[in-house]
C-alpha atoms as a PDB file:
ATOM      1  CA  UNK A   1      22.644  24.608 -60.358  1.00  0.00           C
ATOM      2  CA  UNK A   2      23.496  21.307 -58.859  1.00  0.00           C
ATOM      3  CA  UNK A   3      21.153  21.703 -55.981  1.00  0.00           C
ATOM      4  CA  UNK A   4      18.035  22.761 -58.271  1.00  0.00           C
ATOM      5  CA  UNK A   5      18.762  19.519 -60.406  1.00  0.00           C
ATOM      6  CA  UNK A   6      18.538  17.544 -57.176  1.00  0.00           C
ATOM      7  CA  UNK A   7      15.388  18.930 -56.090  1.00  0.00           C
ATOM      8  CA  UNK A   8      13.487  19.330 -59.611  1.00  0.00           C
ATOM      9  CA  UNK A   9      15.428  16.720 -61.434  1.00  0.00           C
ATOM     10  CA  UNK A  10      17.643  17.134 -64.654  1.00  0.00           C
ATOM     11  CA  UNK A  11      15.551  19.376 -66.875  1.00  0.00           C
ATOM     12  CA  UNK A  12      15.675  17.134 -70.187  1.00  0.00           C
ATOM     13  CA  UNK A  13      14.499  13.885 -68.048  1.00  0.00           C
ATOM     14  CA  UNK A  14      11.737  15.910 -66.561  1.00  0.00           C
ATOM     15  CA  UNK A  15      10.574  17.453 -69.784  1.00  0.00           C
ATOM     16  CA  UNK A  16      10.842  13.705 -71.149  1.00  0.00           C
ATOM     17  CA  UNK A  17       8.522  12.342 -68.239  1.00  0.00           C
ATOM     18  CA  UNK A  18       6.268  15.106 -68.476  1.00  0.00           C
ATOM     19  CA  UNK A  19       5.489  15.003 -72.083  1.00  0.00           C
ATOM     20  CA  UNK A  20       5.142  11.276 -71.919  1.00  0.00           C
ATOM     21  CA  UNK A  21       2.609  11.820 -68.961  1.00  0.00           C
ATOM     22  CA  UNK A  22       0.866  14.280 -71.047  1.00  0.00           C
ATOM     23  CA  UNK A  23       0.657  12.263 -74.086  1.00  0.00           C
ATOM     24  CA  UNK A  24      -1.302   9.732 -72.131  1.00  0.00           C
ATOM     25  CA  UNK A  25      -3.682  12.424 -70.916  1.00  0.00           C
ATOM     26  CA  UNK A  26      -4.412  13.550 -74.437  1.00  0.00           C
ATOM     27  CA  UNK A  27      -5.546   9.941 -75.460  1.00  0.00           C
ATOM     28  CA  UNK A  28      -8.278  10.113 -72.865  1.00  0.00           C
ATOM     29  CA  UNK A  29     -11.872  10.333 -74.194  1.00  0.00           C
ATOM     30  CA  UNK A  30     -12.910  13.540 -72.315  1.00  0.00           C
ATOM     31  CA  UNK A  31      -9.703  15.326 -73.179  1.00  0.00           C
ATOM     32  CA  UNK A  32     -11.094  17.264 -76.319  1.00  0.00           C
ATOM     33  CA  UNK A  33     -14.186  18.342 -74.401  1.00  0.00           C
ATOM     34  CA  UNK A  34     -12.534  19.564 -71.156  1.00  0.00           C
ATOM     35  CA  UNK A  35     -12.552  23.143 -70.060  1.00  0.00           C
ATOM     36  CA  UNK A  36      -9.226  24.942 -70.947  1.00  0.00           C
ATOM     37  CA  UNK A  37      -8.759  25.551 -67.191  1.00  0.00           C
ATOM     38  CA  UNK A  38      -8.928  21.493 -66.367  1.00  0.00           C
ATOM     39  CA  UNK A  39      -6.479  20.890 -69.554  1.00  0.00           C
ATOM     40  CA  UNK A  40      -4.107  23.431 -67.859  1.00  0.00           C
ATOM     41  CA  UNK A  41      -4.453  22.024 -64.322  1.00  0.00           C
ATOM     42  CA  UNK A  42      -3.725  18.417 -65.781  1.00  0.00           C
ATOM     43  CA  UNK A  43      -0.719  19.915 -67.874  1.00  0.00           C
ATOM     44  CA  UNK A  44       0.638  21.403 -64.757  1.00  0.00           C
ATOM     45  CA  UNK A  45       0.242  18.349 -62.531  1.00  0.00           C
ATOM     46  CA  UNK A  46       1.864  16.394 -65.052  1.00  0.00           C
ATOM     47  CA  UNK A  47       5.005  18.525 -64.975  1.00  0.00           C
ATOM     48  CA  UNK A  48       4.977  18.403 -61.197  1.00  0.00           C
ATOM     49  CA  UNK A  49       4.547  14.817 -61.057  1.00  0.00           C
ATOM     50  CA  UNK A  50       7.679  14.609 -63.502  1.00  0.00           C
ATOM     51  CA  UNK A  51       9.647  16.605 -60.859  1.00  0.00           C
ATOM     52  CA  UNK A  52       8.745  14.047 -57.962  1.00  0.00           C
ATOM     53  CA  UNK A  53       9.636  11.083 -60.090  1.00  0.00           C
ATOM     54  CA  UNK A  54      12.858  12.659 -61.482  1.00  0.00           C
ATOM     55  CA  UNK A  55      13.856  15.072 -58.504  1.00  0.00           C
ATOM     56  CA  UNK A  56      13.539  14.888 -54.813  1.00  0.00           C
ATOM     57  CA  UNK A  57      10.277  13.160 -54.202  1.00  0.00           C
ATOM     58  CA  UNK A  58      10.265  14.273 -50.481  1.00  0.00           C
ATOM     59  CA  UNK A  59      10.364  17.943 -51.536  1.00  0.00           C
ATOM     60  CA  UNK A  60       6.871  19.268 -50.040  1.00  0.00           C
ATOM     61  CA  UNK A  61       6.409  21.984 -52.555  1.00  0.00           C
ATOM     62  CA  UNK A  62       6.141  19.444 -55.399  1.00  0.00           C
ATOM     63  CA  UNK A  63       3.275  17.741 -53.552  1.00  0.00           C
ATOM     64  CA  UNK A  64       1.634  21.227 -52.521  1.00  0.00           C
ATOM     65  CA  UNK A  65       1.704  22.446 -56.250  1.00  0.00           C
ATOM     66  CA  UNK A  66      -0.013  19.120 -57.302  1.00  0.00           C
ATOM     67  CA  UNK A  67      -2.810  20.048 -54.774  1.00  0.00           C
ATOM     68  CA  UNK A  68      -2.927  23.490 -55.807  1.00  0.00           C
ATOM     69  CA  UNK A  69      -3.264  22.805 -59.568  1.00  0.00           C
ATOM     70  CA  UNK A  70      -6.272  19.923 -58.694  1.00  0.00           C
ATOM     71  CA  UNK A  71      -8.117  22.533 -56.880  1.00  0.00           C
ATOM     72  CA  UNK A  72      -7.530  24.974 -59.662  1.00  0.00           C
ATOM     73  CA  UNK A  73      -8.874  22.554 -62.163  1.00  0.00           C
ATOM     74  CA  UNK A  74     -12.450  22.628 -60.479  1.00  0.00           C
ATOM     75  CA  UNK A  75     -12.754  26.191 -61.305  1.00  0.00           C
ATOM     76  CA  UNK A  76     -13.965  25.436 -64.793  1.00  0.00           C
ATOM     77  CA  UNK A  77     -14.783  27.825 -67.766  1.00  0.00           C
ATOM     78  CA  UNK A  78     -17.033  27.221 -70.532  1.00  0.00           C
ATOM     79  CA  UNK A  79     -14.243  27.258 -73.090  1.00  0.00           C
ATOM     80  CA  UNK A  80     -13.338  23.885 -74.514  1.00  0.00           C
ATOM     81  CA  UNK A  81     -10.564  22.871 -76.839  1.00  0.00           C
ATOM     82  CA  UNK A  82     -13.177  22.568 -79.992  1.00  0.00           C
ATOM     83  CA  UNK A  83     -14.605  25.805 -79.236  1.00  0.00           C
ATOM     84  CA  UNK A  84     -10.618  27.499 -79.064  1.00  0.00           C
ATOM     85  CA  UNK A  85     -10.466  25.612 -82.270  1.00  0.00           C
ATOM     86  CA  UNK A  86     -13.505  26.979 -84.147  1.00  0.00           C
ATOM     87  CA  UNK A  87     -12.840  30.569 -82.908  1.00  0.00           C
ATOM     88  CA  UNK A  88      -9.030  30.316 -84.332  1.00  0.00           C
ATOM     89  CA  UNK A  89     -10.439  29.029 -87.558  1.00  0.00           C
ATOM     90  CA  UNK A  90     -12.868  31.760 -87.888  1.00  0.00           C
ATOM     91  CA  UNK A  91     -10.153  34.491 -87.126  1.00  0.00           C
ATOM     92  CA  UNK A  92      -7.842  32.749 -89.662  1.00  0.00           C
ATOM     93  CA  UNK A  93     -10.400  32.830 -92.205  1.00  0.00           C
ATOM     94  CA  UNK A  94     -11.302  36.601 -91.633  1.00  0.00           C
ATOM     95  CA  UNK A  95      -7.468  37.135 -91.706  1.00  0.00           C
ATOM     96  CA  UNK A  96      -7.283  35.362 -94.985  1.00  0.00           C
ATOM     97  CA  UNK A  97     -10.017  37.184 -96.632  1.00  0.00           C
ATOM     98  CA  UNK A  98      -8.568  40.437 -95.781  1.00  0.00           C
ATOM     99  CA  UNK A  99      -5.237  39.699 -97.231  1.00  0.00           C
ATOM    100  CA  UNK A 100      -7.251  38.419-100.293  1.00  0.00           C
ATOM    101  CA  UNK A 101      -8.849  41.699-100.674  1.00  0.00           C
ATOM    102  CA  UNK A 102      -5.736  43.838-100.395  1.00  0.00           C
END
């Protein structure tokens, strides 16, 4: 466990740093219109950046993961966060109507 903490950083500190980075990302003007694949890529990059900052900055796999997630972010789908919210709203409304009919 000690070696893992040295490489990846203390879990609580990594989580705190990653969530701070993600909070900044969510404030960006394009966040809500981005494809889910782009959002997921950025969130994963934030986690790996936190591991670099809090763990072993020389650990090559951290940097390779950032590169891999950056490349994955270019494979965009058409689904954006607002679309998911609309779909979820429709599903919840239908479920509520079904419950009311029972």
